[in-house]
Amino acid sequence: MRPDFPARLPKHPLNTALLDHLREQGSPPSGPDDWALGEWQLHTHPDLLNRLRELGLGVPLSAAYGVPLLAYKGVAAALAIGTDTLLLRLPEAPGDLEESPWPFPELARHGWQALDAWQTGLRSVEGDHRLLLAVEQALLHTRDLISQPSVWPNGSHPG
């Protein structure tokens, strides 16, 4: 992958918990054969990176510490991690989707829901459709969070 692709997730109060978590996991590539995302070792399978890109329907990818993600105005809304987990910023997990077997409790406290990226219990078309809707909901939810000063951590809203 090109070292300048994708854009880095900016520091933003709503990204703090996620960036703190990902920073602990991040590492530079250990050799020339390592997959990299910018200057960081890729922390998701390349197929899952492509899956996130497809589910984003044209939203440009961003990245933080080797993890690909989708953001709305610089605030993370969805990310791909490991081989089969999507983390979506949503108030609750969608009831019609399988949750990931790899929960992230430290991020769940900050509104992140871990979902199975492949939805093997559903027909592929149905699973894709439901995941597309969930990613769209995560982007819309993130948009709404940005406009609500009361949800910003530590009263850090600039306006």
C-alpha atoms as a PDB file:
ATOM      1  CA  MET A   1       0.000   0.000   0.000  1.00  0.00           C
ATOM      2  CA  ARG A   2       1.129   3.526  -0.639  1.00  0.00           C
ATOM      3  CA  PRO A   3       2.534   5.190   2.481  1.00  0.00           C
ATOM      4  CA  ASP A   4       0.371   8.286   1.942  1.00  0.00           C
ATOM      5  CA  PHE A   5      -2.869   6.279   1.796  1.00  0.00           C
ATOM      6  CA  PRO A   6      -5.246   6.756   3.573  1.00  0.00           C
ATOM      7  CA  ALA A   7      -5.543  10.014   5.507  1.00  0.00           C
ATOM      8  CA  ARG A   8      -4.711   9.944   9.217  1.00  0.00           C
ATOM      9  CA  LEU A   9      -7.534  10.250  11.680  1.00  0.00           C
ATOM     10  CA  PRO A  10      -7.135  13.659  13.324  1.00  0.00           C
ATOM     11  CA  LYS A  11      -7.034  14.286  17.036  1.00  0.00           C
ATOM     12  CA  HIS A  12     -10.553  15.165  18.087  1.00  0.00           C
ATOM     13  CA  PRO A  13     -12.214  14.836  21.506  1.00  0.00           C
ATOM     14  CA  LEU A  14     -14.657  12.239  20.157  1.00  0.00           C
ATOM     15  CA  ASN A  15     -11.719  10.165  18.856  1.00  0.00           C
ATOM     16  CA  THR A  16      -9.714  10.164  22.094  1.00  0.00           C
ATOM     17  CA  ALA A  17     -10.778   6.786  23.529  1.00  0.00           C
ATOM     18  CA  LEU A  18     -10.358   5.062  20.170  1.00  0.00           C
ATOM     19  CA  LEU A  19      -6.966   6.632  19.476  1.00  0.00           C
ATOM     20  CA  ASP A  20      -5.742   5.742  22.971  1.00  0.00           C
ATOM     21  CA  HIS A  21      -6.763   2.117  22.421  1.00  0.00           C
ATOM     22  CA  LEU A  22      -5.274   1.857  18.922  1.00  0.00           C
ATOM     23  CA  ARG A  23      -2.026   3.573  19.954  1.00  0.00           C
ATOM     24  CA  GLU A  24      -1.408   0.749  22.457  1.00  0.00           C
ATOM     25  CA  GLN A  25      -1.767  -1.822  19.646  1.00  0.00           C
ATOM     26  CA  GLY A  26       0.088   0.087  16.933  1.00  0.00           C
ATOM     27  CA  SER A  27       3.547  -0.842  15.730  1.00  0.00           C
ATOM     28  CA  PRO A  28       5.732  -0.006  12.756  1.00  0.00           C
ATOM     29  CA  PRO A  29       6.211  -2.712  10.121  1.00  0.00           C
ATOM     30  CA  SER A  30       8.735  -5.287  11.296  1.00  0.00           C
ATOM     31  CA  GLY A  31      10.120  -5.966   7.826  1.00  0.00           C
ATOM     32  CA  PRO A  32       9.719  -5.299   4.123  1.00  0.00           C
ATOM     33  CA  ASP A  33       7.148  -8.094   3.719  1.00  0.00           C
ATOM     34  CA  ASP A  34       4.771  -6.706   6.356  1.00  0.00           C
ATOM     35  CA  TRP A  35       1.533  -5.181   5.176  1.00  0.00           C
ATOM     36  CA  ALA A  36       1.543  -1.503   6.092  1.00  0.00           C
ATOM     37  CA  LEU A  37      -0.996   1.256   6.300  1.00  0.00           C
ATOM     38  CA  GLY A  38       0.966   4.472   6.164  1.00  0.00           C
ATOM     39  CA  GLU A  39       3.889   4.141   8.556  1.00  0.00           C
ATOM     40  CA  TRP A  40       2.106   1.522  10.694  1.00  0.00           C
ATOM     41  CA  GLN A  41       1.795  -2.241  10.431  1.00  0.00           C
ATOM     42  CA  LEU A  42      -1.657  -3.132   9.101  1.00  0.00           C
ATOM     43  CA  HIS A  43      -3.808  -4.432  11.975  1.00  0.00           C
ATOM     44  CA  THR A  44      -6.543  -5.938   9.864  1.00  0.00           C
ATOM     45  CA  HIS A  45      -6.607  -8.497   7.121  1.00  0.00           C
ATOM     46  CA  PRO A  46      -6.382  -6.900   3.648  1.00  0.00           C
ATOM     47  CA  ASP A  47      -9.699  -8.571   2.706  1.00  0.00           C
ATOM     48  CA  LEU A  48     -11.379  -6.864   5.650  1.00  0.00           C
ATOM     49  CA  LEU A  49      -9.862  -3.528   4.645  1.00  0.00           C
ATOM     50  CA  ASN A  50     -11.475  -3.998   1.228  1.00  0.00           C
ATOM     51  CA  ARG A  51     -14.742  -5.021   2.890  1.00  0.00           C
ATOM     52  CA  LEU A  52     -14.794  -1.777   4.876  1.00  0.00           C
ATOM     53  CA  ARG A  53     -14.074   0.206   1.717  1.00  0.00           C
ATOM     54  CA  GLU A  54     -17.010  -1.498  -0.041  1.00  0.00           C
ATOM     55  CA  LEU A  55     -19.383  -0.950   2.880  1.00  0.00           C
ATOM     56  CA  GLY A  56     -18.388   2.726   2.999  1.00  0.00           C
ATOM     57  CA  LEU A  57     -19.898   3.334  -0.446  1.00  0.00           C
ATOM     58  CA  GLY A  58     -17.445   6.004  -1.489  1.00  0.00           C
ATOM     59  CA  VAL A  59     -16.536   7.473   1.910  1.00  0.00           C
ATOM     60  CA  PRO A  60     -12.747   7.857   1.790  1.00  0.00           C
ATOM     61  CA  LEU A  61     -10.766   5.643   4.128  1.00  0.00           C
ATOM     62  CA  SER A  62      -8.854   7.146   6.990  1.00  0.00           C
ATOM     63  CA  ALA A  63      -6.448   5.346   9.310  1.00  0.00           C
ATOM     64  CA  ALA A  64      -5.102   5.346  12.834  1.00  0.00           C
ATOM     65  CA  TYR A  65      -2.129   3.264  13.978  1.00  0.00           C
ATOM     66  CA  GLY A  66      -2.499   0.725  11.169  1.00  0.00           C
ATOM     67  CA  VAL A  67      -6.286   0.378  11.403  1.00  0.00           C
ATOM     68  CA  PRO A  68      -8.478   1.442   8.456  1.00  0.00           C
ATOM     69  CA  LEU A  69     -11.600   3.405   9.264  1.00  0.00           C
ATOM     70  CA  LEU A  70     -14.386   5.579   7.974  1.00  0.00           C
ATOM     71  CA  ALA A  71     -14.885   9.008   9.471  1.00  0.00           C
ATOM     72  CA  TYR A  72     -17.373  11.821   9.268  1.00  0.00           C
ATOM     73  CA  LYS A  73     -15.697  15.259   9.378  1.00  0.00           C
ATOM     74  CA  GLY A  74     -12.652  13.790  11.100  1.00  0.00           C
ATOM     75  CA  VAL A  75     -14.567  11.751  13.699  1.00  0.00           C
ATOM     76  CA  ALA A  76     -14.309   7.959  13.459  1.00  0.00           C
ATOM     77  CA  ALA A  77     -17.556   6.137  12.678  1.00  0.00           C
ATOM     78  CA  ALA A  78     -16.507   2.619  11.581  1.00  0.00           C
ATOM     79  CA  LEU A  79     -13.316   0.591  11.529  1.00  0.00           C
ATOM     80  CA  ALA A  80     -12.050  -2.829  10.558  1.00  0.00           C
ATOM     81  CA  ILE A  81      -9.792  -4.774  12.890  1.00  0.00           C
ATOM     82  CA  GLY A  82      -8.400  -8.288  12.909  1.00  0.00           C
ATOM     83  CA  THR A  83      -9.818 -10.741  10.395  1.00  0.00           C
ATOM     84  CA  ASP A  84     -13.537 -10.412  11.006  1.00  0.00           C
ATOM     85  CA  THR A  85     -14.511  -7.488  13.222  1.00  0.00           C
ATOM     86  CA  LEU A  86     -16.148  -4.210  12.328  1.00  0.00           C
ATOM     87  CA  LEU A  87     -16.469  -1.641  15.084  1.00  0.00           C
ATOM     88  CA  LEU A  88     -19.304   0.807  14.514  1.00  0.00           C
ATOM     89  CA  ARG A  89     -20.074   3.914  16.542  1.00  0.00           C
ATOM     90  CA  LEU A  90     -23.714   3.281  17.400  1.00  0.00           C
ATOM     91  CA  PRO A  91     -25.811   3.725  20.556  1.00  0.00           C
ATOM     92  CA  GLU A  92     -26.530  -0.044  20.542  1.00  0.00           C
ATOM     93  CA  ALA A  93     -25.715  -3.071  18.433  1.00  0.00           C
ATOM     94  CA  PRO A  94     -28.158  -3.658  15.571  1.00  0.00           C
ATOM     95  CA  GLY A  95     -30.440  -6.501  16.614  1.00  0.00           C
ATOM     96  CA  ASP A  96     -30.489  -8.005  13.134  1.00  0.00           C
ATOM     97  CA  LEU A  97     -26.708  -8.507  12.868  1.00  0.00           C
ATOM     98  CA  GLU A  98     -24.319 -11.002  14.439  1.00  0.00           C
ATOM     99  CA  GLU A  99     -21.967  -9.474  16.961  1.00  0.00           C
ATOM    100  CA  SER A 100     -18.266 -10.182  16.721  1.00  0.00           C
ATOM    101  CA  PRO A 101     -16.917 -12.980  18.902  1.00  0.00           C
ATOM    102  CA  TRP A 102     -14.112 -10.533  19.793  1.00  0.00           C
ATOM    103  CA  PRO A 103     -15.672  -7.792  21.930  1.00  0.00           C
ATOM    104  CA  PHE A 104     -13.850  -4.605  22.786  1.00  0.00           C
ATOM    105  CA  PRO A 105     -15.242  -3.684  26.232  1.00  0.00           C
ATOM    106  CA  GLU A 106     -12.911  -0.704  26.629  1.00  0.00           C
ATOM    107  CA  LEU A 107     -14.387   0.786  23.453  1.00  0.00           C
ATOM    108  CA  ALA A 108     -17.959  -0.383  24.097  1.00  0.00           C
ATOM    109  CA  ARG A 109     -18.005   2.026  27.046  1.00  0.00           C
ATOM    110  CA  HIS A 110     -17.507   4.796  24.482  1.00  0.00           C
ATOM    111  CA  GLY A 111     -20.291   3.759  22.110  1.00  0.00           C
ATOM    112  CA  TRP A 112     -18.522   1.234  19.868  1.00  0.00           C
ATOM    113  CA  GLN A 113     -20.347  -1.934  18.802  1.00  0.00           C
ATOM    114  CA  ALA A 114     -18.358  -4.969  17.583  1.00  0.00           C
ATOM    115  CA  LEU A 115     -20.010  -6.771  14.662  1.00  0.00           C
ATOM    116  CA  ASP A 116     -19.073  -9.775  12.558  1.00  0.00           C
ATOM    117  CA  ALA A 117     -17.890  -8.359   9.236  1.00  0.00           C
ATOM    118  CA  TRP A 118     -19.005 -11.374   7.232  1.00  0.00           C
ATOM    119  CA  GLN A 119     -22.427 -12.230   8.751  1.00  0.00           C
ATOM    120  CA  THR A 120     -22.085 -15.935   7.966  1.00  0.00           C
ATOM    121  CA  GLY A 121     -25.514 -16.691   9.426  1.00  0.00           C
ATOM    122  CA  LEU A 122     -27.215 -14.694   6.672  1.00  0.00           C
ATOM    123  CA  ARG A 123     -27.354 -15.069   2.926  1.00  0.00           C
ATOM    124  CA  SER A 124     -24.543 -12.938   1.533  1.00  0.00           C
ATOM    125  CA  VAL A 125     -26.862 -10.420  -0.153  1.00  0.00           C
ATOM    126  CA  GLU A 126     -28.918  -9.969   3.019  1.00  0.00           C
ATOM    127  CA  GLY A 127     -25.820  -9.703   5.239  1.00  0.00           C
ATOM    128  CA  ASP A 128     -24.240  -7.155   2.908  1.00  0.00           C
ATOM    129  CA  HIS A 129     -27.431  -5.096   2.834  1.00  0.00           C
ATOM    130  CA  ARG A 130     -27.764  -5.057   6.627  1.00  0.00           C
ATOM    131  CA  LEU A 131     -24.092  -4.174   7.097  1.00  0.00           C
ATOM    132  CA  LEU A 132     -24.370  -1.364   4.539  1.00  0.00           C
ATOM    133  CA  LEU A 133     -27.287   0.058   6.507  1.00  0.00           C
ATOM    134  CA  ALA A 134     -25.401  -0.298   9.806  1.00  0.00           C
ATOM    135  CA  VAL A 135     -22.351   1.523   8.433  1.00  0.00           C
ATOM    136  CA  GLU A 136     -24.613   4.277   7.104  1.00  0.00           C
ATOM    137  CA  GLN A 137     -26.275   4.509  10.534  1.00  0.00           C
ATOM    138  CA  ALA A 138     -22.853   4.767  12.185  1.00  0.00           C
ATOM    139  CA  LEU A 139     -21.886   7.642   9.886  1.00  0.00           C
ATOM    140  CA  LEU A 140     -25.194   9.419  10.562  1.00  0.00           C
ATOM    141  CA  HIS A 141     -24.888   8.802  14.305  1.00  0.00           C
ATOM    142  CA  THR A 142     -21.380  10.263  14.241  1.00  0.00           C
ATOM    143  CA  ARG A 143     -22.687  13.313  12.376  1.00  0.00           C
ATOM    144  CA  ASP A 144     -25.292  13.771  15.106  1.00  0.00           C
ATOM    145  CA  LEU A 145     -22.714  13.388  17.887  1.00  0.00           C
ATOM    146  CA  ILE A 146     -20.578  16.135  16.402  1.00  0.00           C
ATOM    147  CA  SER A 147     -23.510  18.550  16.652  1.00  0.00           C
ATOM    148  CA  GLN A 148     -24.357  17.694  20.300  1.00  0.00           C
ATOM    149  CA  PRO A 149     -22.064  19.546  22.732  1.00  0.00           C
ATOM    150  CA  SER A 150     -23.448  17.585  25.696  1.00  0.00           C
ATOM    151  CA  VAL A 151     -21.885  14.316  24.481  1.00  0.00           C
ATOM    152  CA  TRP A 152     -18.360  15.627  24.017  1.00  0.00           C
ATOM    153  CA  PRO A 153     -15.933  14.303  26.642  1.00  0.00           C
ATOM    154  CA  ASN A 154     -15.000  16.680  29.461  1.00  0.00           C
ATOM    155  CA  GLY A 155     -17.006  19.564  28.041  1.00  0.00           C
ATOM    156  CA  SER A 156     -14.476  19.940  25.217  1.00  0.00           C
ATOM    157  CA  HIS A 157     -16.881  21.111  22.509  1.00  0.00           C
ATOM    158  CA  PRO A 158     -15.334  24.194  20.868  1.00  0.00           C
ATOM    159  CA  GLY A 159     -18.644  25.936  20.285  1.00  0.00           C
END
